Amino acid sequence: MTLTADDILARLSEMGAESYRKTMLKHGAHEPIYGTKIGDMKPIQKQIKKDYQLAKDLFATGVYDAMYLAGLIADDAKMTPEDLQLWLDSAKSRPIASVTVAWVAAESPHGWTMGLKWIDSGDEMAVCAGWSTLSGWVALRPDSELDFSALRRLITRVEKTIHEQSTEVKYQMNGFLISVGCYVVELTEEVLAAGDRIGKVDVQLIGDCGMHAINDMIEKVASRGKIGVKRKTVKC
């Protein structure tokens, strides 16, 4: 049976839970939202695997749950820069922009160029998506495909400007440094040094959410002998 976007919307609606819906709204999700837990989406994702057009159809519904699922089933290799920009422009909330759109961008062939474009956009939601995309890019790509000179410039940029940013941008910049430090062996020590100079980053996040200290996270990964071990996917 071939599923359509309408079929999936009906299934997501049936699985929605009001308590989870309210929790997600508190954490930045947008209406309309059914409150479908990610774990409950996984059987649908497993059934579909990847579907370029269906993912685009789901994202276009504007329903939070469907937009999130769209990112999980997107055929990243087929996503064009125009597709990615449309998704970002259509994102109704920061979680969709900095999670769903960023994940798909990072796993597409265009993650590096789109990430750089977005962090220079001047739009907060796009800036968040850009730093998140770059975080995913370095976590996935072999070091031989990375531009070390550009990454060093980005490390310096974060160090010099992170304290001036909004909470949301601070969070994504912080995550970018952690990602570079954990996944790019040649730059780990440089990120640790930058982390020392940056010091504590003051943020006010929702509820019990917290922001990991840059050096603490890198040292934790180092203690497990996992520095430089790339990820197969950034989606979850």
Protein backbone atom coordinates (compact mmCIF):
# COMPACT_ATOMS: atom_id res chain seq x y z
CA MET A 1 0.00 0.00 0.00
CA THR A 2 1.36 3.38 -1.03
CA LEU A 3 0.88 5.97 1.69
CA THR A 4 -0.13 9.53 0.86
CA ALA A 5 0.39 12.62 2.98
CA ASP A 6 -3.30 12.53 3.93
CA ASP A 7 -2.99 8.89 5.05
CA ILE A 8 -0.05 9.78 7.26
CA LEU A 9 -1.73 12.86 8.71
CA ALA A 10 -4.65 10.69 9.76
CA ARG A 11 -2.32 8.21 11.47
CA LEU A 12 -0.36 10.94 13.22
CA SER A 13 -3.57 12.55 14.44
CA GLU A 14 -4.80 9.26 15.88
CA MET A 15 -1.52 8.79 17.79
CA GLY A 16 -1.43 12.30 19.20
CA ALA A 17 -1.42 12.83 22.95
CA GLU A 18 -2.59 16.09 24.52
CA SER A 19 -0.02 16.01 27.30
CA TYR A 20 2.84 15.61 24.83
CA ARG A 21 1.33 18.28 22.58
CA LYS A 22 1.36 20.79 25.44
CA THR A 23 4.94 19.85 26.37
CA MET A 24 6.15 20.36 22.81
CA LEU A 25 4.40 23.73 22.54
CA LYS A 26 6.26 24.85 25.67
CA HIS A 27 9.51 23.85 23.97
CA GLY A 28 8.92 25.91 20.87
CA ALA A 29 6.76 23.73 18.62
CA HIS A 30 4.04 25.43 16.59
CA GLU A 31 0.36 24.88 15.92
CA PRO A 32 -1.09 22.84 14.37
CA ILE A 33 0.45 19.95 16.29
CA TYR A 34 -1.09 16.59 17.19
CA GLY A 35 1.36 15.64 19.91
CA THR A 36 2.64 12.45 18.26
CA LYS A 37 5.70 11.09 20.03
CA ILE A 38 8.79 10.52 17.92
CA GLY A 39 8.91 6.87 18.93
CA ASP A 40 5.41 6.42 17.54
CA MET A 41 6.53 7.86 14.21
CA LYS A 42 9.30 5.29 13.83
CA PRO A 43 7.12 2.47 12.41
CA ILE A 44 5.91 4.87 9.71
CA GLN A 45 9.48 5.90 9.00
CA LYS A 46 10.52 2.24 8.80
CA GLN A 47 7.68 1.47 6.40
CA ILE A 48 8.47 4.37 4.07
CA LYS A 49 12.26 4.51 4.46
CA LYS A 50 13.01 7.40 2.05
CA ASP A 51 10.62 9.19 -0.24
CA TYR A 52 11.61 12.53 -1.75
CA GLN A 53 8.16 13.67 -2.90
CA LEU A 54 6.23 12.34 0.08
CA ALA A 55 8.59 14.14 2.43
CA LYS A 56 7.98 17.39 0.56
CA ASP A 57 4.22 16.80 0.65
CA LEU A 58 4.29 16.19 4.41
CA PHE A 59 6.41 19.26 5.08
CA ALA A 60 4.03 21.39 3.02
CA THR A 61 1.10 20.50 5.32
CA GLY A 62 2.47 22.84 7.99
CA VAL A 63 1.56 20.32 10.72
CA TYR A 64 4.43 20.12 13.21
CA ASP A 65 4.37 16.33 13.56
CA ALA A 66 4.22 15.83 9.79
CA MET A 67 7.07 18.29 9.21
CA TYR A 68 9.24 16.43 11.72
CA LEU A 69 8.45 13.09 10.07
CA ALA A 70 9.22 14.64 6.68
CA GLY A 71 12.77 15.19 7.83
CA LEU A 72 13.10 11.56 8.89
CA ILE A 73 11.99 10.17 5.51
CA ALA A 74 13.53 12.83 3.26
CA ASP A 75 15.79 11.54 0.48
CA ASP A 76 18.60 13.90 1.43
CA ALA A 77 20.68 13.16 -1.66
CA LYS A 78 17.85 14.44 -3.87
CA MET A 79 17.19 17.62 -1.91
CA THR A 80 18.25 20.67 -3.90
CA PRO A 81 19.42 24.01 -2.47
CA GLU A 82 16.03 25.39 -3.54
CA ASP A 83 14.23 22.61 -1.63
CA LEU A 84 16.27 23.30 1.48
CA GLN A 85 15.72 27.04 1.30
CA LEU A 86 11.98 26.53 0.82
CA TRP A 87 11.86 24.26 3.86
CA LEU A 88 13.67 26.82 5.96
CA ASP A 89 11.46 29.65 4.71
CA SER A 90 8.39 27.50 5.48
CA ALA A 91 9.53 26.41 8.95
CA LYS A 92 7.03 27.73 11.46
CA SER A 93 9.16 27.17 14.53
CA ARG A 94 12.76 27.07 15.60
CA PRO A 95 12.74 23.31 16.35
CA ILE A 96 11.74 22.57 12.77
CA ALA A 97 14.36 24.98 11.42
CA SER A 98 17.28 24.00 13.64
CA VAL A 99 16.47 20.28 13.90
CA THR A 100 14.49 18.97 10.94
CA VAL A 101 15.74 21.34 8.24
CA ALA A 102 19.30 21.32 9.60
CA TRP A 103 19.43 17.52 9.72
CA VAL A 104 18.28 17.18 6.14
CA ALA A 105 20.62 19.93 4.97
CA ALA A 106 23.59 18.37 6.76
CA GLU A 107 22.94 14.99 5.15
CA SER A 108 22.44 16.52 1.71
CA PRO A 109 25.32 17.40 -0.64
CA HIS A 110 24.63 21.09 0.04
CA GLY A 111 25.00 21.26 3.83
CA TRP A 112 28.24 23.21 3.90
CA THR A 113 27.19 25.92 1.46
CA MET A 114 23.69 26.25 2.92
CA GLY A 115 25.02 26.35 6.48
CA LEU A 116 27.43 29.15 5.62
CA LYS A 117 24.70 31.04 3.81
CA TRP A 118 22.28 30.78 6.70
CA ILE A 119 24.66 31.87 9.47
CA ASP A 120 25.23 35.10 7.52
CA SER A 121 21.53 35.69 6.82
CA GLY A 122 20.80 38.01 9.71
CA ASP A 123 17.59 36.10 10.47
CA GLU A 124 17.73 34.41 13.87
CA MET A 125 15.89 31.26 12.83
CA ALA A 126 18.08 30.86 9.77
CA VAL A 127 21.23 31.53 11.81
CA CYS A 128 20.24 28.77 14.24
CA ALA A 129 19.57 26.40 11.34
CA GLY A 130 22.91 27.31 9.81
CA TRP A 131 25.04 26.56 12.87
CA SER A 132 23.11 23.34 13.45
CA THR A 133 23.67 22.32 9.82
CA LEU A 134 27.40 22.95 10.10
CA SER A 135 27.49 20.91 13.32
CA GLY A 136 25.93 17.99 11.49
CA TRP A 137 28.20 18.43 8.48
CA VAL A 138 31.43 18.00 10.48
CA ALA A 139 29.93 15.08 12.41
CA LEU A 140 29.18 13.19 9.20
CA ARG A 141 31.87 14.06 6.67
CA PRO A 142 35.34 12.49 6.65
CA ASP A 143 38.06 14.97 7.52
CA SER A 144 39.37 14.77 3.96
CA GLU A 145 36.20 16.54 2.80
CA LEU A 146 36.38 19.36 5.35
CA ASP A 147 37.72 22.88 4.81
CA PHE A 148 40.03 23.28 7.81
CA SER A 149 40.86 26.91 7.12
CA ALA A 150 37.18 27.80 7.03
CA LEU A 151 36.49 25.78 10.17
CA ARG A 152 39.25 27.64 12.01
CA ARG A 153 37.68 30.93 10.98
CA LEU A 154 34.33 29.73 12.28
CA ILE A 155 35.87 28.68 15.61
CA THR A 156 37.33 32.17 15.97
CA ARG A 157 34.01 33.72 14.99
CA VAL A 158 32.15 31.79 17.67
CA GLU A 159 34.76 32.63 20.29
CA LYS A 160 34.57 36.35 19.54
CA THR A 161 30.79 36.68 19.20
CA ILE A 162 28.98 33.97 21.17
CA HIS A 163 28.40 36.13 24.25
CA GLU A 164 26.66 38.76 22.12
CA GLN A 165 24.06 36.39 20.69
CA SER A 166 20.52 35.47 21.62
CA THR A 167 20.02 32.37 23.75
CA GLU A 168 19.01 30.29 20.74
CA VAL A 169 22.03 31.28 18.67
CA LYS A 170 24.36 30.77 21.64
CA TYR A 171 23.00 27.25 21.98
CA GLN A 172 23.72 26.40 18.34
CA MET A 173 27.16 28.03 18.32
CA ASN A 174 28.02 26.11 21.47
CA GLY A 175 26.89 22.90 19.78
CA PHE A 176 28.99 23.67 16.73
CA LEU A 177 32.17 23.95 18.80
CA ILE A 178 31.35 20.71 20.61
CA SER A 179 30.78 18.98 17.27
CA VAL A 180 34.07 20.20 15.79
CA GLY A 181 35.95 19.29 18.95
CA CYS A 182 34.47 15.81 19.07
CA TYR A 183 34.52 14.86 15.40
CA VAL A 184 37.55 16.63 13.92
CA VAL A 185 40.72 15.31 15.58
CA GLU A 186 43.03 17.92 14.11
CA LEU A 187 40.95 20.73 15.63
CA THR A 188 40.12 19.25 19.03
CA GLU A 189 42.87 21.05 20.93
CA GLU A 190 42.06 24.33 19.21
CA VAL A 191 38.42 24.04 20.24
CA LEU A 192 39.40 23.20 23.83
CA ALA A 193 41.58 26.31 23.93
CA ALA A 194 38.72 28.39 22.56
CA GLY A 195 36.40 26.84 25.14
CA ASP A 196 38.74 27.92 27.92
CA ARG A 197 38.74 31.48 26.61
CA ILE A 198 34.97 31.55 26.14
CA GLY A 199 34.27 30.35 29.66
CA LYS A 200 30.70 30.00 30.89
CA VAL A 201 27.96 30.89 28.42
CA ASP A 202 24.92 32.33 30.17
CA VAL A 203 21.61 31.21 28.71
CA GLN A 204 17.99 30.95 29.79
CA LEU A 205 16.52 27.80 28.35
CA ILE A 206 13.02 26.40 28.78
CA GLY A 207 12.24 24.07 31.66
CA ASP A 208 14.96 21.62 32.61
CA CYS A 209 16.85 22.02 29.33
CA GLY A 210 20.51 22.82 29.79
CA MET A 211 23.48 23.72 27.64
CA HIS A 212 26.52 21.48 27.78
CA ALA A 213 29.86 23.05 28.64
CA ILE A 214 32.08 22.82 25.56
CA ASN A 215 35.17 21.33 27.18
CA ASP A 216 33.24 19.02 29.49
CA MET A 217 31.49 17.39 26.55
CA ILE A 218 34.65 17.01 24.48
CA GLU A 219 36.58 15.54 27.41
CA LYS A 220 33.74 13.10 28.09
CA VAL A 221 33.89 11.88 24.48
CA ALA A 222 37.71 11.70 24.72
CA SER A 223 37.47 9.55 27.85
CA ARG A 224 35.51 6.99 25.82
CA GLY A 225 38.11 7.03 23.04
CA LYS A 226 35.56 8.34 20.55
CA ILE A 227 37.17 11.58 19.36
CA GLY A 228 37.06 11.61 15.56
CA VAL A 229 34.54 8.76 15.25
CA LYS A 230 32.06 10.07 12.69
CA ARG A 231 28.30 9.54 12.79
CA LYS A 232 26.31 7.66 10.16
CA THR A 233 23.34 9.98 10.61
CA VAL A 234 22.41 13.02 12.68
CA LYS A 235 18.72 12.18 12.58
CA CYS A 236 16.91 10.65 15.52
